[in-house]
Protein backbone atom coordinates (compact mmCIF):
# COMPACT_ATOMS: atom_id res chain seq x y z
CA MET A 1 207.41 21.79 57.99
CA LYS A 2 208.41 21.99 61.63
CA GLU A 3 212.06 22.04 62.45
CA LYS A 4 212.98 19.50 65.09
CA THR A 5 215.39 20.65 67.74
CA LYS A 6 217.59 18.27 69.61
CA ARG A 7 217.30 18.64 73.33
CA LYS A 8 219.68 17.16 75.79
CA THR A 9 217.77 15.42 78.53
CA LEU A 10 219.19 16.24 81.90
CA LYS A 11 219.09 13.51 84.44
CA GLN A 12 219.12 14.37 88.10
CA SER A 13 222.35 12.37 88.50
CA ASP A 14 224.02 14.40 85.72
CA VAL A 15 223.13 17.66 87.42
CA ARG A 16 224.30 16.37 90.79
CA ASP A 17 227.60 15.20 89.26
CA ALA A 18 228.12 18.63 87.70
CA VAL A 19 227.46 20.38 91.02
CA ILE A 20 229.86 18.01 92.80
CA LYS A 21 232.53 18.67 90.18
CA ARG A 22 232.09 22.42 90.59
CA ALA A 23 232.05 22.18 94.39
CA LEU A 24 235.31 20.21 94.49
CA GLY A 25 237.11 22.07 91.70
CA TYR A 26 238.65 20.51 88.60
CA ASP A 27 241.28 20.91 85.89
CA ALA A 28 240.20 22.02 82.41
CA THR A 29 242.27 21.65 79.24
CA GLU A 30 242.17 24.47 76.72
CA VAL A 31 243.51 24.14 73.16
CA VAL A 32 244.30 27.21 71.02
CA GLU A 33 245.30 26.61 67.38
CA GLU A 34 246.56 29.06 64.76
CA TYR A 35 246.21 28.34 61.06
CA SER A 36 247.82 29.92 58.02
CA GLU A 37 247.21 29.69 54.30
CA GLY A 38 250.08 28.00 52.46
CA ASP A 39 251.52 28.77 49.02
CA GLU A 40 249.02 26.58 47.18
CA GLY A 41 246.00 27.83 49.10
CA GLN A 42 246.07 25.00 51.64
CA ILE A 43 245.27 25.78 55.23
CA ARG A 44 247.82 24.38 57.64
CA LEU A 45 248.32 24.40 61.37
CA ILE A 46 251.22 26.62 62.38
CA LYS A 47 250.85 26.79 66.16
CA ARG A 48 249.02 24.74 68.76
CA LYS A 49 249.01 25.65 72.44
CA VAL A 50 247.56 23.31 75.07
CA THR A 51 247.12 24.65 78.59
CA THR A 52 245.61 23.14 81.68
CA LYS A 53 243.72 25.52 83.91
CA ASN A 54 242.67 24.81 87.45
CA VAL A 55 239.11 25.79 88.30
CA PRO A 56 239.01 26.25 92.08
CA PRO A 57 236.23 24.86 94.26
CA ASP A 58 233.06 26.93 94.28
CA PRO A 59 231.70 27.69 97.78
CA THR A 60 228.20 28.31 96.41
CA ALA A 61 228.07 24.84 94.83
CA LEU A 62 229.37 23.31 98.06
CA LYS A 63 226.69 25.13 100.05
CA LEU A 64 224.04 23.83 97.64
CA LEU A 65 225.27 20.28 98.15
CA LEU A 66 225.23 20.64 101.92
CA GLU A 67 221.71 22.07 101.85
CA GLN A 68 220.48 19.13 99.77
CA THR A 69 221.33 16.57 102.42
CA SER A 70 218.18 15.06 103.82
CA THR A 71 219.19 15.46 107.47
CA PRO A 72 220.79 18.57 108.97
CA ILE A 73 224.37 17.82 109.99
CA SER A 74 223.87 19.28 113.46
CA SER A 75 221.30 16.60 114.29
CA LEU A 76 223.51 13.61 113.31
CA SER A 77 225.05 11.33 115.92
CA ASP A 78 228.80 10.70 116.03
CA GLU A 79 228.33 7.38 114.23
CA GLN A 80 226.22 8.98 111.50
CA LEU A 81 228.78 11.76 111.09
CA GLU A 82 231.53 9.17 110.67
CA GLU A 83 229.44 7.32 108.04
CA GLU A 84 228.81 10.59 106.19
CA LYS A 85 232.52 11.41 106.31
CA ILE A 86 233.37 8.01 104.79
CA ARG A 87 230.69 8.45 102.12
CA LEU A 88 231.95 11.90 101.16
CA LEU A 89 235.59 10.76 101.06
CA LYS A 90 234.60 7.87 98.80
CA LEU A 91 232.68 10.27 96.55
CA LEU A 92 235.67 12.62 96.46
CA SER A 93 238.04 9.82 95.44
CA GLN A 94 235.63 8.73 92.67
CA THR A 95 235.41 12.23 91.22
CA LYS A 96 239.20 12.61 91.20
CA ASN A 97 239.52 9.42 89.16
């Protein structure tokens, strides 16, 4: 009998979103819990520590995003640069929310 393995299908948009998140930086929450065995053999939570860590922007991910643009930035007109700036600012505001 063959064992079926579950595979997560990666969509191109999921990968792009992950690269954008890494390029812009993000906050990650980490939870550490300590348990102890009580008098009657029950396991109970004795300490829980929640910390938020800031993951700084990754220059390599940012470079990858810039390389994936269809048109080199140096060949864009002033109007196209302004449109790209607006698009990127909108994308940045969406990822922060």
